[in-house]
Amino acid sequence: MIVMAIEELDTVALTEDVPAHGLKAGDLGAVVAVYPAHTIEVEFVTASGHTQALITLSKDKVRTIGAEDILSVRRLTAA
């Protein structure tokens, strides 16, 4: 498996739920900043474009997406 570096503006998928923000594993977000110590700032938005969460995560909580991934839609539940 090839591990790709995560950079600003990359689309990433959560690898685990973040219940405090109503997020689930597989939700997609956009990397808005890359910080030292393996942390990143990721914005998660609803299909209508409203920000659901802007959170700092360890890089091991997300993965890059690729050609073998398929997108899906789910209803947002209250956090």
PDB file of N, CA and C in Angstrom:
ATOM      1  N   MET A   1       0.839  -1.186   0.000  1.00  0.00           N
ATOM      2  CA  MET A   1       0.000   0.000   0.000  1.00  0.00           C
ATOM      3  C   MET A   1       0.878   1.242   0.000  1.00  0.00           C
ATOM      4  N   ILE A   2       0.570   2.193  -0.858  1.00  0.00           N
ATOM      5  CA  ILE A   2       1.313   3.440  -0.944  1.00  0.00           C
ATOM      6  C   ILE A   2       0.680   4.460  -0.005  1.00  0.00           C
ATOM      7  N   VAL A   3       1.486   5.040   0.874  1.00  0.00           N
ATOM      8  CA  VAL A   3       0.991   6.065   1.783  1.00  0.00           C
ATOM      9  C   VAL A   3       1.284   7.426   1.166  1.00  0.00           C
ATOM     10  N   MET A   4       0.243   8.218   0.965  1.00  0.00           N
ATOM     11  CA  MET A   4       0.422   9.527   0.350  1.00  0.00           C
ATOM     12  C   MET A   4       0.447  10.603   1.430  1.00  0.00           C
ATOM     13  N   ALA A   5       1.262  11.613   1.204  1.00  0.00           N
ATOM     14  CA  ALA A   5       1.297  12.742   2.129  1.00  0.00           C
ATOM     15  C   ALA A   5      -0.012  13.506   2.025  1.00  0.00           C
ATOM     16  N   ILE A   6      -0.489  13.997   3.145  1.00  0.00           N
ATOM     17  CA  ILE A   6      -1.708  14.801   3.155  1.00  0.00           C
ATOM     18  C   ILE A   6      -1.308  16.262   3.056  1.00  0.00           C
ATOM     19  N   GLU A   7      -1.910  16.974   2.102  1.00  0.00           N
ATOM     20  CA  GLU A   7      -1.592  18.372   1.855  1.00  0.00           C
ATOM     21  C   GLU A   7      -2.855  19.227   1.913  1.00  0.00           C
ATOM     22  N   GLU A   8      -2.667  20.540   2.026  1.00  0.00           N
ATOM     23  CA  GLU A   8      -3.805  21.459   2.007  1.00  0.00           C
ATOM     24  C   GLU A   8      -4.625  21.249   0.747  1.00  0.00           C
ATOM     25  N   LEU A   9      -5.927  21.336   0.888  1.00  0.00           N
ATOM     26  CA  LEU A   9      -6.942  21.186  -0.155  1.00  0.00           C
ATOM     27  C   LEU A   9      -7.212  19.743  -0.554  1.00  0.00           C
ATOM     28  N   ASP A  10      -6.505  18.772   0.045  1.00  0.00           N
ATOM     29  CA  ASP A  10      -6.816  17.368  -0.216  1.00  0.00           C
ATOM     30  C   ASP A  10      -8.189  17.038   0.362  1.00  0.00           C
ATOM     31  N   THR A  11      -8.879  16.119  -0.279  1.00  0.00           N
ATOM     32  CA  THR A  11     -10.109  15.577   0.276  1.00  0.00           C
ATOM     33  C   THR A  11      -9.731  14.310   1.033  1.00  0.00           C
ATOM     34  N   VAL A  12     -10.208  14.211   2.266  1.00  0.00           N
ATOM     35  CA  VAL A  12      -9.897  13.055   3.102  1.00  0.00           C
ATOM     36  C   VAL A  12     -11.181  12.461   3.664  1.00  0.00           C
ATOM     37  N   ALA A  13     -11.104  11.208   4.069  1.00  0.00           N
ATOM     38  CA  ALA A  13     -12.234  10.512   4.687  1.00  0.00           C
ATOM     39  C   ALA A  13     -11.870  10.177   6.129  1.00  0.00           C
ATOM     40  N   LEU A  14     -12.824  10.385   7.030  1.00  0.00           N
ATOM     41  CA  LEU A  14     -12.612   9.997   8.424  1.00  0.00           C
ATOM     42  C   LEU A  14     -12.471   8.489   8.530  1.00  0.00           C
ATOM     43  N   THR A  15     -11.618   8.035   9.428  1.00  0.00           N
ATOM     44  CA  THR A  15     -11.465   6.596   9.656  1.00  0.00           C
ATOM     45  C   THR A  15     -12.198   6.148  10.916  1.00  0.00           C
ATOM     46  N   GLU A  16     -12.740   7.104  11.670  1.00  0.00           N
ATOM     47  CA  GLU A  16     -13.531   6.770  12.858  1.00  0.00           C
ATOM     48  C   GLU A  16     -14.554   7.868  13.110  1.00  0.00           C
ATOM     49  N   ASP A  17     -15.589   7.541  13.864  1.00  0.00           N
ATOM     50  CA  ASP A  17     -16.635   8.507  14.186  1.00  0.00           C
ATOM     51  C   ASP A  17     -16.097   9.632  15.073  1.00  0.00           C
ATOM     52  N   VAL A  18     -16.686  10.823  14.907  1.00  0.00           N
ATOM     53  CA  VAL A  18     -16.432  11.967  15.790  1.00  0.00           C
ATOM     54  C   VAL A  18     -17.801  12.455  16.253  1.00  0.00           C
ATOM     55  N   PRO A  19     -18.400  11.762  17.228  1.00  0.00           N
ATOM     56  CA  PRO A  19     -19.776  12.043  17.643  1.00  0.00           C
ATOM     57  C   PRO A  19     -20.016  13.465  18.118  1.00  0.00           C
ATOM     58  N   ALA A  20     -19.034  14.096  18.722  1.00  0.00           N
ATOM     59  CA  ALA A  20     -19.213  15.459  19.232  1.00  0.00           C
ATOM     60  C   ALA A  20     -19.551  16.444  18.114  1.00  0.00           C
ATOM     61  N   HIS A  21     -19.229  16.076  16.873  1.00  0.00           N
ATOM     62  CA  HIS A  21     -19.499  16.958  15.734  1.00  0.00           C
ATOM     63  C   HIS A  21     -20.492  16.342  14.750  1.00  0.00           C
ATOM     64  N   GLY A  22     -21.103  15.218  15.134  1.00  0.00           N
ATOM     65  CA  GLY A  22     -22.078  14.569  14.261  1.00  0.00           C
ATOM     66  C   GLY A  22     -21.451  13.899  13.051  1.00  0.00           C
ATOM     67  N   LEU A  23     -20.169  13.571  13.123  1.00  0.00           N
ATOM     68  CA  LEU A  23     -19.456  12.976  11.991  1.00  0.00           C
ATOM     69  C   LEU A  23     -19.287  11.479  12.179  1.00  0.00           C
ATOM     70  N   LYS A  24     -19.267  10.755  11.055  1.00  0.00           N
ATOM     71  CA  LYS A  24     -19.097   9.308  11.075  1.00  0.00           C
ATOM     72  C   LYS A  24     -17.951   8.901  10.172  1.00  0.00           C
ATOM     73  N   ALA A  25     -17.367   7.746  10.483  1.00  0.00           N
ATOM     74  CA  ALA A  25     -16.303   7.200   9.634  1.00  0.00           C
ATOM     75  C   ALA A  25     -16.791   7.183   8.190  1.00  0.00           C
ATOM     76  N   GLY A  26     -15.944   7.621   7.284  1.00  0.00           N
ATOM     77  CA  GLY A  26     -16.304   7.684   5.873  1.00  0.00           C
ATOM     78  C   GLY A  26     -16.735   9.062   5.410  1.00  0.00           C
ATOM     79  N   ASP A  27     -17.106   9.956   6.345  1.00  0.00           N
ATOM     80  CA  ASP A  27     -17.468  11.315   5.956  1.00  0.00           C
ATOM     81  C   ASP A  27     -16.254  12.001   5.324  1.00  0.00           C
ATOM     82  N   LEU A  28     -16.520  12.796   4.295  1.00  0.00           N
ATOM     83  CA  LEU A  28     -15.457  13.489   3.566  1.00  0.00           C
ATOM     84  C   LEU A  28     -15.268  14.905   4.063  1.00  0.00           C
ATOM     85  N   GLY A  29     -14.021  15.349   4.093  1.00  0.00           N
ATOM     86  CA  GLY A  29     -13.697  16.714   4.483  1.00  0.00           C
ATOM     87  C   GLY A  29     -12.556  17.240   3.633  1.00  0.00           C
ATOM     88  N   ALA A  30     -12.374  18.546   3.670  1.00  0.00           N
ATOM     89  CA  ALA A  30     -11.290  19.197   2.931  1.00  0.00           C
ATOM     90  C   ALA A  30     -10.242  19.690   3.926  1.00  0.00           C
ATOM     91  N   VAL A  31      -8.991  19.365   3.654  1.00  0.00           N
ATOM     92  CA  VAL A  31      -7.891  19.808   4.505  1.00  0.00           C
ATOM     93  C   VAL A  31      -7.668  21.297   4.251  1.00  0.00           C
ATOM     94  N   VAL A  32      -7.783  22.107   5.293  1.00  0.00           N
ATOM     95  CA  VAL A  32      -7.593  23.551   5.148  1.00  0.00           C
ATOM     96  C   VAL A  32      -6.257  24.021   5.713  1.00  0.00           C
ATOM     97  N   ALA A  33      -5.607  23.191   6.527  1.00  0.00           N
ATOM     98  CA  ALA A  33      -4.281  23.540   7.050  1.00  0.00           C
ATOM     99  C   ALA A  33      -3.573  22.269   7.499  1.00  0.00           C
ATOM    100  N   VAL A  34      -2.263  22.265   7.318  1.00  0.00           N
ATOM    101  CA  VAL A  34      -1.422  21.164   7.785  1.00  0.00           C
ATOM    102  C   VAL A  34      -0.475  21.749   8.814  1.00  0.00           C
ATOM    103  N   TYR A  35      -0.471  21.156  10.007  1.00  0.00           N
ATOM    104  CA  TYR A  35       0.336  21.652  11.116  1.00  0.00           C
ATOM    105  C   TYR A  35       1.460  20.678  11.436  1.00  0.00           C
ATOM    106  N   PRO A  36       2.455  21.158  12.211  1.00  0.00           N
ATOM    107  CA  PRO A  36       3.497  20.239  12.678  1.00  0.00           C
ATOM    108  C   PRO A  36       2.875  19.187  13.607  1.00  0.00           C
ATOM    109  N   ALA A  37       3.646  18.204  13.935  1.00  0.00           N
ATOM    110  CA  ALA A  37       3.227  17.147  14.869  1.00  0.00           C
ATOM    111  C   ALA A  37       2.079  16.306  14.307  1.00  0.00           C
ATOM    112  N   HIS A  38       2.001  16.167  13.000  1.00  0.00           N
ATOM    113  CA  HIS A  38       1.042  15.265  12.351  1.00  0.00           C
ATOM    114  C   HIS A  38      -0.413  15.628  12.608  1.00  0.00           C
ATOM    115  N   THR A  39      -0.722  16.912  12.683  1.00  0.00           N
ATOM    116  CA  THR A  39      -2.114  17.332  12.837  1.00  0.00           C
ATOM    117  C   THR A  39      -2.540  18.162  11.640  1.00  0.00           C
ATOM    118  N   ILE A  40      -3.837  18.132  11.372  1.00  0.00           N
ATOM    119  CA  ILE A  40      -4.408  18.866  10.247  1.00  0.00           C
ATOM    120  C   ILE A  40      -5.728  19.490  10.679  1.00  0.00           C
ATOM    121  N   GLU A  41      -6.095  20.562  10.000  1.00  0.00           N
ATOM    122  CA  GLU A  41      -7.401  21.199  10.188  1.00  0.00           C
ATOM    123  C   GLU A  41      -8.259  20.765   9.005  1.00  0.00           C
ATOM    124  N   VAL A  42      -9.443  20.215   9.297  1.00  0.00           N
ATOM    125  CA  VAL A  42     -10.308  19.684   8.241  1.00  0.00           C
ATOM    126  C   VAL A  42     -11.693  20.299   8.366  1.00  0.00           C
ATOM    127  N   GLU A  43     -12.246  20.729   7.233  1.00  0.00           N
ATOM    128  CA  GLU A  43     -13.605  21.268   7.201  1.00  0.00           C
ATOM    129  C   GLU A  43     -14.533  20.227   6.594  1.00  0.00           C
ATOM    130  N   PHE A  44     -15.625  19.960   7.300  1.00  0.00           N
ATOM    131  CA  PHE A  44     -16.659  19.050   6.836  1.00  0.00           C
ATOM    132  C   PHE A  44     -17.898  19.877   6.541  1.00  0.00           C
ATOM    133  N   VAL A  45     -18.472  19.711   5.357  1.00  0.00           N
ATOM    134  CA  VAL A  45     -19.632  20.506   4.968  1.00  0.00           C
ATOM    135  C   VAL A  45     -20.792  19.596   4.582  1.00  0.00           C
ATOM    136  N   THR A  46     -22.010  20.153   4.718  1.00  0.00           N
ATOM    137  CA  THR A  46     -23.203  19.438   4.269  1.00  0.00           C
ATOM    138  C   THR A  46     -23.292  19.555   2.748  1.00  0.00           C
ATOM    139  N   ALA A  47     -24.194  18.788   2.153  1.00  0.00           N
ATOM    140  CA  ALA A  47     -24.367  18.818   0.698  1.00  0.00           C
ATOM    141  C   ALA A  47     -24.780  20.201   0.202  1.00  0.00           C
ATOM    142  N   SER A  48     -25.421  20.998   1.074  1.00  0.00           N
ATOM    143  CA  SER A  48     -25.836  22.345   0.671  1.00  0.00           C
ATOM    144  C   SER A  48     -24.736  23.380   0.883  1.00  0.00           C
ATOM    145  N   GLY A  49     -23.577  22.939   1.393  1.00  0.00           N
ATOM    146  CA  GLY A  49     -22.438  23.846   1.524  1.00  0.00           C
ATOM    147  C   GLY A  49     -22.251  24.498   2.878  1.00  0.00           C
ATOM    148  N   HIS A  50     -23.072  24.139   3.866  1.00  0.00           N
ATOM    149  CA  HIS A  50     -22.919  24.704   5.202  1.00  0.00           C
ATOM    150  C   HIS A  50     -21.875  23.920   5.994  1.00  0.00           C
ATOM    151  N   THR A  51     -21.006  24.633   6.691  1.00  0.00           N
ATOM    152  CA  THR A  51     -19.975  23.968   7.484  1.00  0.00           C
ATOM    153  C   THR A  51     -20.613  23.227   8.653  1.00  0.00           C
ATOM    154  N   GLN A  52     -20.356  21.934   8.726  1.00  0.00           N
ATOM    155  CA  GLN A  52     -20.815  21.108   9.842  1.00  0.00           C
ATOM    156  C   GLN A  52     -19.771  21.134  10.963  1.00  0.00           C
ATOM    157  N   ALA A  53     -18.494  21.091  10.578  1.00  0.00           N
ATOM    158  CA  ALA A  53     -17.426  21.092  11.576  1.00  0.00           C
ATOM    159  C   ALA A  53     -16.131  21.559  10.932  1.00  0.00           C
ATOM    160  N   LEU A  54     -15.353  22.271  11.706  1.00  0.00           N
ATOM    161  CA  LEU A  54     -13.993  22.656  11.334  1.00  0.00           C
ATOM    162  C   LEU A  54     -13.145  22.234  12.526  1.00  0.00           C
ATOM    163  N   ILE A  55     -12.431  21.119  12.368  1.00  0.00           N
ATOM    164  CA  ILE A  55     -11.758  20.529  13.526  1.00  0.00           C
ATOM    165  C   ILE A  55     -10.316  20.156  13.220  1.00  0.00           C
ATOM    166  N   THR A  56      -9.523  20.170  14.276  1.00  0.00           N
ATOM    167  CA  THR A  56      -8.132  19.736  14.189  1.00  0.00           C
ATOM    168  C   THR A  56      -8.081  18.258  14.530  1.00  0.00           C
ATOM    169  N   LEU A  57      -7.446  17.490  13.662  1.00  0.00           N
ATOM    170  CA  LEU A  57      -7.369  16.043  13.829  1.00  0.00           C
ATOM    171  C   LEU A  57      -5.936  15.563  13.660  1.00  0.00           C
ATOM    172  N   SER A  58      -5.631  14.454  14.279  1.00  0.00           N
ATOM    173  CA  SER A  58      -4.386  13.759  14.011  1.00  0.00           C
ATOM    174  C   SER A  58      -4.508  13.139  12.621  1.00  0.00           C
ATOM    175  N   LYS A  59      -3.414  13.119  11.868  1.00  0.00           N
ATOM    176  CA  LYS A  59      -3.461  12.562  10.517  1.00  0.00           C
ATOM    177  C   LYS A  59      -3.892  11.103  10.494  1.00  0.00           C
ATOM    178  N   ASP A  60      -3.726  10.385  11.604  1.00  0.00           N
ATOM    179  CA  ASP A  60      -4.122   8.979  11.617  1.00  0.00           C
ATOM    180  C   ASP A  60      -5.632   8.796  11.767  1.00  0.00           C
ATOM    181  N   LYS A  61      -6.381   9.883  11.895  1.00  0.00           N
ATOM    182  CA  LYS A  61      -7.848   9.820  11.998  1.00  0.00           C
ATOM    183  C   LYS A  61      -8.527   9.962  10.639  1.00  0.00           C
ATOM    184  N   VAL A  62      -7.718  10.172   9.583  1.00  0.00           N
ATOM    185  CA  VAL A  62      -8.246  10.322   8.226  1.00  0.00           C
ATOM    186  C   VAL A  62      -7.407   9.502   7.252  1.00  0.00           C
ATOM    187  N   ARG A  63      -7.951   9.344   6.058  1.00  0.00           N
ATOM    188  CA  ARG A  63      -7.174   8.733   4.969  1.00  0.00           C
ATOM    189  C   ARG A  63      -7.472   9.485   3.684  1.00  0.00           C
ATOM    190  N   THR A  64      -6.529   9.450   2.777  1.00  0.00           N
ATOM    191  CA  THR A  64      -6.769  10.068   1.483  1.00  0.00           C
ATOM    192  C   THR A  64      -7.758   9.196   0.717  1.00  0.00           C
ATOM    193  N   ILE A  65      -8.425   9.797  -0.256  1.00  0.00           N
ATOM    194  CA  ILE A  65      -9.358   9.029  -1.069  1.00  0.00           C
ATOM    195  C   ILE A  65      -8.728   8.779  -2.433  1.00  0.00           C
ATOM    196  N   GLY A  66      -9.230   7.750  -3.104  1.00  0.00           N
ATOM    197  CA  GLY A  66      -8.656   7.388  -4.385  1.00  0.00           C
ATOM    198  C   GLY A  66      -9.691   6.882  -5.363  1.00  0.00           C
ATOM    199  N   ALA A  67      -9.206   6.408  -6.496  1.00  0.00           N
ATOM    200  CA  ALA A  67     -10.072   5.966  -7.590  1.00  0.00           C
ATOM    201  C   ALA A  67     -10.942   4.777  -7.205  1.00  0.00           C
ATOM    202  N   GLU A  68     -10.545   4.017  -6.201  1.00  0.00           N
ATOM    203  CA  GLU A  68     -11.316   2.840  -5.801  1.00  0.00           C
ATOM    204  C   GLU A  68     -12.428   3.167  -4.809  1.00  0.00           C
ATOM    205  N   ASP A  69     -12.528   4.431  -4.409  1.00  0.00           N
ATOM    206  CA  ASP A  69     -13.573   4.850  -3.461  1.00  0.00           C
ATOM    207  C   ASP A  69     -14.827   5.280  -4.209  1.00  0.00           C
ATOM    208  N   ILE A  70     -15.979   5.082  -3.563  1.00  0.00           N
ATOM    209  CA  ILE A  70     -17.255   5.535  -4.105  1.00  0.00           C
ATOM    210  C   ILE A  70     -17.899   6.466  -3.084  1.00  0.00           C
ATOM    211  N   LEU A  71     -18.520   7.520  -3.560  1.00  0.00           N
ATOM    212  CA  LEU A  71     -19.154   8.491  -2.663  1.00  0.00           C
ATOM    213  C   LEU A  71     -20.554   8.031  -2.284  1.00  0.00           C
ATOM    214  N   SER A  72     -20.986   8.479  -1.125  1.00  0.00           N
ATOM    215  CA  SER A  72     -22.303   8.123  -0.602  1.00  0.00           C
ATOM    216  C   SER A  72     -22.872   9.341   0.119  1.00  0.00           C
ATOM    217  N   VAL A  73     -24.170   9.311   0.382  1.00  0.00           N
ATOM    218  CA  VAL A  73     -24.835  10.392   1.095  1.00  0.00           C
ATOM    219  C   VAL A  73     -25.580   9.789   2.274  1.00  0.00           C
ATOM    220  N   ARG A  74     -25.559  10.490   3.415  1.00  0.00           N
ATOM    221  CA  ARG A  74     -26.326  10.059   4.575  1.00  0.00           C
ATOM    222  C   ARG A  74     -26.973  11.291   5.187  1.00  0.00           C
ATOM    223  N   ARG A  75     -28.028  11.092   5.917  1.00  0.00           N
ATOM    224  CA  ARG A  75     -28.694  12.187   6.628  1.00  0.00           C
ATOM    225  C   ARG A  75     -27.903  12.527   7.870  1.00  0.00           C
ATOM    226  N   LEU A  76     -27.768  13.806   8.123  1.00  0.00           N
ATOM    227  CA  LEU A  76     -27.071  14.281   9.302  1.00  0.00           C
ATOM    228  C   LEU A  76     -27.980  14.143  10.508  1.00  0.00           C
ATOM    229  N   THR A  77     -27.455  13.552  11.557  1.00  0.00           N
ATOM    230  CA  THR A  77     -28.200  13.441  12.801  1.00  0.00           C
ATOM    231  C   THR A  77     -27.622  14.433  13.795  1.00  0.00           C
ATOM    232  N   ALA A  78     -28.414  14.885  14.725  1.00  0.00           N
ATOM    233  CA  ALA A  78     -27.964  15.866  15.700  1.00  0.00           C
ATOM    234  C   ALA A  78     -26.817  15.312  16.525  1.00  0.00           C
ATOM    235  N   ALA A  79     -25.832  16.186  16.787  1.00  0.00           N
ATOM    236  CA  ALA A  79     -24.654  15.778  17.576  1.00  0.00           C
ATOM    237  C   ALA A  79     -25.020  15.671  19.036  1.00  0.00           C
TER     238      ALA A  79
END
